[in-house]
Amino acid sequence: MGKSKKCAYEAVINTAISRIFLNVTIFLPPIALVAIESMHLMPGNFYAKTLVEALLISGELYIAVPTGIAMFP
């Protein structure tokens, strides 16, 4: 095993940054839902509201999670 303190420091920093980006991308859909509801843009119909929520969740799974995971070196 190597004993380089610089490599260990960089590994810890890279891991911390990638974990932060992954968590930020996971919290984007709930923040978007709060924004939509606070601007009174959320539809009143149950099915339309469920569709908006499903689109935000699927958008997170399709775009946000891979982006957060891509931050891992």
N, C-alpha and C. Protein backbone atom coordinates (compact mmCIF):
# COMPACT_ATOMS: atom_id res chain seq x y z
N MET A 1 0.83 -1.18 0.00
CA MET A 1 0.00 0.00 0.00
C MET A 1 0.87 1.25 0.00
N GLY A 2 0.39 2.26 -0.71
CA GLY A 2 1.09 3.53 -0.73
C GLY A 2 0.83 4.32 0.54
N LYS A 3 1.70 5.26 0.80
CA LYS A 3 1.58 6.06 2.02
C LYS A 3 1.56 7.54 1.71
N SER A 4 1.13 7.90 0.50
CA SER A 4 1.13 9.30 0.10
C SER A 4 -0.02 10.03 0.79
N LYS A 5 0.31 11.05 1.53
CA LYS A 5 -0.73 11.84 2.21
C LYS A 5 -1.49 12.69 1.20
N LYS A 6 -0.81 13.12 0.14
CA LYS A 6 -1.47 13.94 -0.88
C LYS A 6 -2.55 13.13 -1.60
N CYS A 7 -2.25 11.89 -1.97
CA CYS A 7 -3.23 11.03 -2.63
C CYS A 7 -4.41 10.73 -1.71
N ALA A 8 -4.13 10.48 -0.46
CA ALA A 8 -5.20 10.21 0.50
C ALA A 8 -6.10 11.44 0.66
N TYR A 9 -5.48 12.62 0.73
CA TYR A 9 -6.24 13.86 0.86
C TYR A 9 -7.13 14.07 -0.37
N GLU A 10 -6.58 13.87 -1.55
CA GLU A 10 -7.35 14.05 -2.78
C GLU A 10 -8.49 13.03 -2.86
N ALA A 11 -8.25 11.81 -2.43
CA ALA A 11 -9.30 10.79 -2.45
C ALA A 11 -10.45 11.17 -1.53
N VAL A 12 -10.13 11.66 -0.35
CA VAL A 12 -11.18 12.06 0.59
C VAL A 12 -11.95 13.26 0.07
N ILE A 13 -11.26 14.23 -0.49
CA ILE A 13 -11.93 15.42 -1.03
C ILE A 13 -12.83 15.04 -2.21
N ASN A 14 -12.33 14.22 -3.13
CA ASN A 14 -13.13 13.80 -4.28
C ASN A 14 -14.37 13.01 -3.85
N THR A 15 -14.22 12.17 -2.87
CA THR A 15 -15.36 11.40 -2.37
C THR A 15 -16.39 12.33 -1.72
N ALA A 16 -15.93 13.28 -0.94
CA ALA A 16 -16.84 14.22 -0.28
C ALA A 16 -17.60 15.06 -1.31
N ILE A 17 -16.90 15.55 -2.30
CA ILE A 17 -17.55 16.38 -3.33
C ILE A 17 -18.58 15.57 -4.11
N SER A 18 -18.22 14.34 -4.48
CA SER A 18 -19.17 13.52 -5.24
C SER A 18 -20.39 13.16 -4.41
N ARG A 19 -20.20 12.92 -3.13
CA ARG A 19 -21.35 12.63 -2.27
C ARG A 19 -22.26 13.85 -2.12
N ILE A 20 -21.68 15.02 -2.05
CA ILE A 20 -22.48 16.25 -1.96
C ILE A 20 -23.31 16.43 -3.22
N PHE A 21 -22.70 16.26 -4.40
CA PHE A 21 -23.44 16.41 -5.65
C PHE A 21 -24.55 15.38 -5.77
N LEU A 22 -24.31 14.15 -5.33
CA LEU A 22 -25.34 13.13 -5.39
C LEU A 22 -26.53 13.51 -4.51
N ASN A 23 -26.27 14.02 -3.33
CA ASN A 23 -27.36 14.43 -2.44
C ASN A 23 -28.10 15.65 -2.96
N VAL A 24 -27.39 16.57 -3.56
CA VAL A 24 -28.05 17.76 -4.11
C VAL A 24 -29.00 17.35 -5.22
N THR A 25 -28.57 16.44 -6.10
CA THR A 25 -29.45 16.03 -7.19
C THR A 25 -30.65 15.24 -6.70
N ILE A 26 -30.52 14.57 -5.58
CA ILE A 26 -31.66 13.82 -5.04
C ILE A 26 -32.72 14.77 -4.48
N PHE A 27 -32.32 15.91 -3.98
CA PHE A 27 -33.27 16.85 -3.38
C PHE A 27 -33.89 17.82 -4.38
N LEU A 28 -33.52 17.76 -5.64
CA LEU A 28 -34.09 18.68 -6.63
C LEU A 28 -35.60 18.49 -6.86
N PRO A 29 -36.11 17.26 -7.05
CA PRO A 29 -37.56 17.13 -7.25
C PRO A 29 -38.41 17.62 -6.09
N PRO A 30 -38.08 17.34 -4.82
CA PRO A 30 -38.89 17.91 -3.75
C PRO A 30 -38.86 19.44 -3.73
N ILE A 31 -37.71 20.01 -4.03
CA ILE A 31 -37.62 21.47 -4.08
C ILE A 31 -38.48 22.00 -5.23
N ALA A 32 -38.46 21.30 -6.37
CA ALA A 32 -39.29 21.72 -7.51
C ALA A 32 -40.77 21.61 -7.16
N LEU A 33 -41.16 20.56 -6.44
CA LEU A 33 -42.56 20.42 -6.03
C LEU A 33 -43.00 21.55 -5.11
N VAL A 34 -42.16 21.91 -4.17
CA VAL A 34 -42.48 23.03 -3.27
C VAL A 34 -42.61 24.32 -4.06
N ALA A 35 -41.73 24.53 -5.02
CA ALA A 35 -41.79 25.75 -5.84
C ALA A 35 -43.06 25.78 -6.68
N ILE A 36 -43.40 24.65 -7.27
CA ILE A 36 -44.62 24.59 -8.08
C ILE A 36 -45.86 24.84 -7.22
N GLU A 37 -45.89 24.26 -6.04
CA GLU A 37 -47.03 24.46 -5.16
C GLU A 37 -47.10 25.89 -4.61
N SER A 38 -45.95 26.49 -4.33
CA SER A 38 -45.97 27.85 -3.79
C SER A 38 -46.37 28.88 -4.84
N MET A 39 -46.12 28.58 -6.11
CA MET A 39 -46.54 29.49 -7.19
C MET A 39 -47.95 29.18 -7.68
N HIS A 40 -48.63 28.25 -7.00
CA HIS A 40 -50.00 27.85 -7.32
C HIS A 40 -50.12 27.34 -8.76
N LEU A 41 -49.11 26.60 -9.22
CA LEU A 41 -49.14 26.03 -10.56
C LEU A 41 -49.50 24.55 -10.55
N MET A 42 -49.63 23.96 -9.37
CA MET A 42 -49.96 22.54 -9.27
C MET A 42 -51.42 22.35 -9.63
N PRO A 43 -51.70 21.44 -10.57
CA PRO A 43 -53.10 21.21 -10.95
C PRO A 43 -53.91 20.64 -9.79
N GLY A 44 -55.18 20.95 -9.77
CA GLY A 44 -56.05 20.49 -8.71
C GLY A 44 -56.54 19.07 -8.91
N ASN A 45 -56.54 18.63 -10.16
CA ASN A 45 -56.98 17.28 -10.49
C ASN A 45 -55.99 16.26 -9.93
N PHE A 46 -56.51 15.19 -9.33
CA PHE A 46 -55.66 14.17 -8.72
C PHE A 46 -54.73 13.53 -9.75
N TYR A 47 -55.27 13.21 -10.92
CA TYR A 47 -54.48 12.52 -11.93
C TYR A 47 -53.41 13.43 -12.53
N ALA A 48 -53.74 14.69 -12.73
CA ALA A 48 -52.75 15.63 -13.26
C ALA A 48 -51.65 15.89 -12.23
N LYS A 49 -52.04 15.99 -10.97
CA LYS A 49 -51.05 16.19 -9.90
C LYS A 49 -50.12 14.99 -9.80
N THR A 50 -50.69 13.79 -9.89
CA THR A 50 -49.88 12.58 -9.86
C THR A 50 -48.95 12.52 -11.06
N LEU A 51 -49.41 12.96 -12.21
CA LEU A 51 -48.58 12.99 -13.42
C LEU A 51 -47.39 13.94 -13.25
N VAL A 52 -47.63 15.11 -12.68
CA VAL A 52 -46.54 16.06 -12.45
C VAL A 52 -45.52 15.46 -11.48
N GLU A 53 -45.98 14.85 -10.41
CA GLU A 53 -45.07 14.23 -9.44
C GLU A 53 -44.29 13.08 -10.08
N ALA A 54 -44.96 12.27 -10.88
CA ALA A 54 -44.29 11.14 -11.55
C ALA A 54 -43.24 11.64 -12.55
N LEU A 55 -43.54 12.71 -13.24
CA LEU A 55 -42.58 13.27 -14.20
C LEU A 55 -41.34 13.81 -13.48
N LEU A 56 -41.54 14.44 -12.33
CA LEU A 56 -40.39 14.94 -11.57
C LEU A 56 -39.53 13.79 -11.04
N ILE A 57 -40.18 12.76 -10.54
CA ILE A 57 -39.42 11.61 -10.01
C ILE A 57 -38.70 10.88 -11.14
N SER A 58 -39.37 10.67 -12.28
CA SER A 58 -38.70 9.99 -13.39
C SER A 58 -37.59 10.86 -13.97
N GLY A 59 -37.78 12.18 -13.96
CA GLY A 59 -36.72 13.07 -14.39
C GLY A 59 -35.51 12.98 -13.49
N GLU A 60 -35.77 12.83 -12.20
CA GLU A 60 -34.66 12.66 -11.25
C GLU A 60 -33.91 11.38 -11.54
N LEU A 61 -34.64 10.29 -11.74
CA LEU A 61 -34.00 9.01 -11.98
C LEU A 61 -33.25 8.98 -13.31
N TYR A 62 -33.74 9.71 -14.29
CA TYR A 62 -33.15 9.68 -15.62
C TYR A 62 -32.00 10.68 -15.77
N ILE A 63 -32.09 11.82 -15.10
CA ILE A 63 -31.08 12.87 -15.29
C ILE A 63 -30.26 13.13 -14.04
N ALA A 64 -30.91 13.36 -12.91
CA ALA A 64 -30.21 13.83 -11.72
C ALA A 64 -29.33 12.76 -11.08
N VAL A 65 -29.82 11.56 -10.93
CA VAL A 65 -29.03 10.52 -10.29
C VAL A 65 -27.80 10.15 -11.12
N PRO A 66 -27.92 9.94 -12.44
CA PRO A 66 -26.70 9.67 -13.21
C PRO A 66 -25.70 10.82 -13.18
N THR A 67 -26.19 12.05 -13.12
CA THR A 67 -25.29 13.18 -13.02
C THR A 67 -24.54 13.17 -11.70
N GLY A 68 -25.24 12.86 -10.63
CA GLY A 68 -24.58 12.77 -9.33
C GLY A 68 -23.59 11.63 -9.26
N ILE A 69 -23.94 10.49 -9.84
CA ILE A 69 -23.02 9.35 -9.83
C ILE A 69 -21.82 9.61 -10.73
N ALA A 70 -22.01 10.38 -11.79
CA ALA A 70 -20.90 10.67 -12.70
C ALA A 70 -19.82 11.51 -12.02
N MET A 71 -20.14 12.11 -10.90
CA MET A 71 -19.13 12.89 -10.17
C MET A 71 -18.10 12.00 -9.49
N PHE A 72 -18.41 10.71 -9.33
CA PHE A 72 -17.44 9.80 -8.73
C PHE A 72 -16.28 9.60 -9.71
N PRO A 73 -15.06 9.70 -9.25
CA PRO A 73 -13.92 9.53 -10.16
C PRO A 73 -13.75 8.07 -10.58
